[in-house]
Every structure is written in structure tokens, then in C-alpha cells.
Protein backbone atom coordinates (compact mmCIF):
# COMPACT_ATOMS: atom_id res chain seq x y z
CA MET A 1 0.00 0.00 0.00
CA THR A 2 1.27 3.46 -0.80
CA ASP A 3 1.24 6.38 1.60
CA PRO A 4 -2.19 8.06 1.33
CA THR A 5 -0.67 11.48 2.05
CA MET A 6 1.11 13.15 -0.84
CA LEU A 7 3.16 16.32 -1.08
CA ALA A 8 1.06 19.09 -2.65
CA LEU A 9 2.82 22.44 -2.63
CA ASP A 10 -0.26 24.22 -4.00
CA SER A 11 -2.32 23.11 -0.98
CA ASP A 12 -2.71 25.32 2.10
CA LEU A 13 -1.39 22.46 4.24
CA GLY A 14 1.37 21.41 1.84
CA HIS A 15 -0.05 17.91 1.52
CA GLN A 16 -3.08 16.15 0.12
CA ARG A 17 -4.70 12.88 1.16
CA SER A 18 -6.17 10.44 -1.30
CA SER A 19 -9.92 10.75 -1.81
CA ASP A 20 -10.59 7.16 -0.73
CA LEU A 21 -8.83 7.54 2.66
CA PRO A 22 -12.04 8.22 4.67
CA ARG A 23 -13.69 5.11 3.19
CA ARG A 24 -10.63 2.98 3.89
CA PHE A 25 -10.53 4.27 7.47
CA ALA A 26 -14.23 3.50 7.98
CA ASP A 27 -13.75 -0.01 6.53
CA ALA A 28 -10.80 -0.65 8.87
CA ALA A 29 -12.74 0.64 11.88
CA GLU A 30 -15.70 -1.61 11.05
CA SER A 31 -13.39 -4.61 10.65
CA LEU A 32 -11.90 -3.90 14.08
CA ARG A 33 -15.36 -3.40 15.58
CA VAL A 34 -16.36 -6.86 14.34
CA SER A 35 -13.17 -8.62 15.44
CA ASP A 36 -12.27 -6.70 18.61
CA GLY A 37 -15.27 -4.61 19.62
CA TRP A 38 -16.51 -3.99 23.15
CA ALA A 39 -20.21 -4.32 24.00
CA ASN A 40 -21.13 -1.16 25.88
CA PRO A 41 -23.62 -2.30 28.55
CA ALA A 42 -25.19 1.17 28.74
CA THR A 43 -26.09 1.32 25.04
CA GLY A 44 -25.81 -2.27 23.83
CA ARG A 45 -23.69 -1.03 20.92
CA ILE A 46 -20.41 -2.59 19.85
CA GLU A 47 -17.73 0.08 20.18
CA LEU A 48 -14.02 0.56 19.78
CA ARG A 49 -12.42 1.93 22.94
CA THR A 50 -9.02 3.54 22.95
CA ASP A 51 -7.25 6.58 24.32
CA LEU A 52 -4.51 6.63 21.71
CA VAL A 53 -3.77 4.97 18.39
CA LEU A 54 -0.27 5.08 16.90
CA GLU A 55 0.07 3.97 13.30
CA GLY A 56 3.45 2.92 11.98
CA CYS A 57 5.02 3.37 15.39
CA GLY A 58 8.38 4.76 14.36
CA VAL A 59 10.85 6.32 16.75
CA LYS A 60 8.69 9.42 17.21
CA ALA A 61 5.63 7.53 18.52
CA PRO A 62 6.85 6.79 22.08
CA GLY A 63 7.86 10.43 22.49
CA LEU A 64 4.47 11.63 21.30
CA ALA A 65 2.74 9.21 23.65
CA GLY A 66 4.79 10.52 26.57
CA ALA A 67 4.22 14.13 25.59
CA GLY A 68 0.49 13.50 25.35
CA GLY A 69 0.31 12.11 28.86
CA TYR A 70 -0.77 8.66 27.72
CA ARG A 71 -1.25 6.27 30.59
């Protein structure tokens, strides 16, 4: 899979994400909900519960987690 974020110097942010990224994210979240969801007893809904998600987890990730106060 290629990186969904591309350099775009004409963009206000300097980068551009692929148009299918939101759909791919929603598909991945639904897959996780099915395989690793938590049944919320208050609502009866299957949910994903997390305080922090680190994708790729390079050398910067542990520092960001510490800076964010992750426990």
C-alpha cells in the first residue's frame, strides 16, 4: 500500500490525502469493531475503545505518547 498522504505544494497544508482515505478508514474501523469490539452495557452497541492509536510506530511515537500524557 502506498502512503495516502502526498506532497502538494499548491495546498494550504502542503499535503493532500487520497480521496478514498475516509472510506478505507471506515472499513478498517468496522473490521476492528467486528473482530475486537466492546459491547457497551449502557447502550448495547459494539464500540471501539481507545485513548490513543499510533500507526506505523516509528521512533517518534513513544515520544508523542509521553508528551500527550498517555497512561
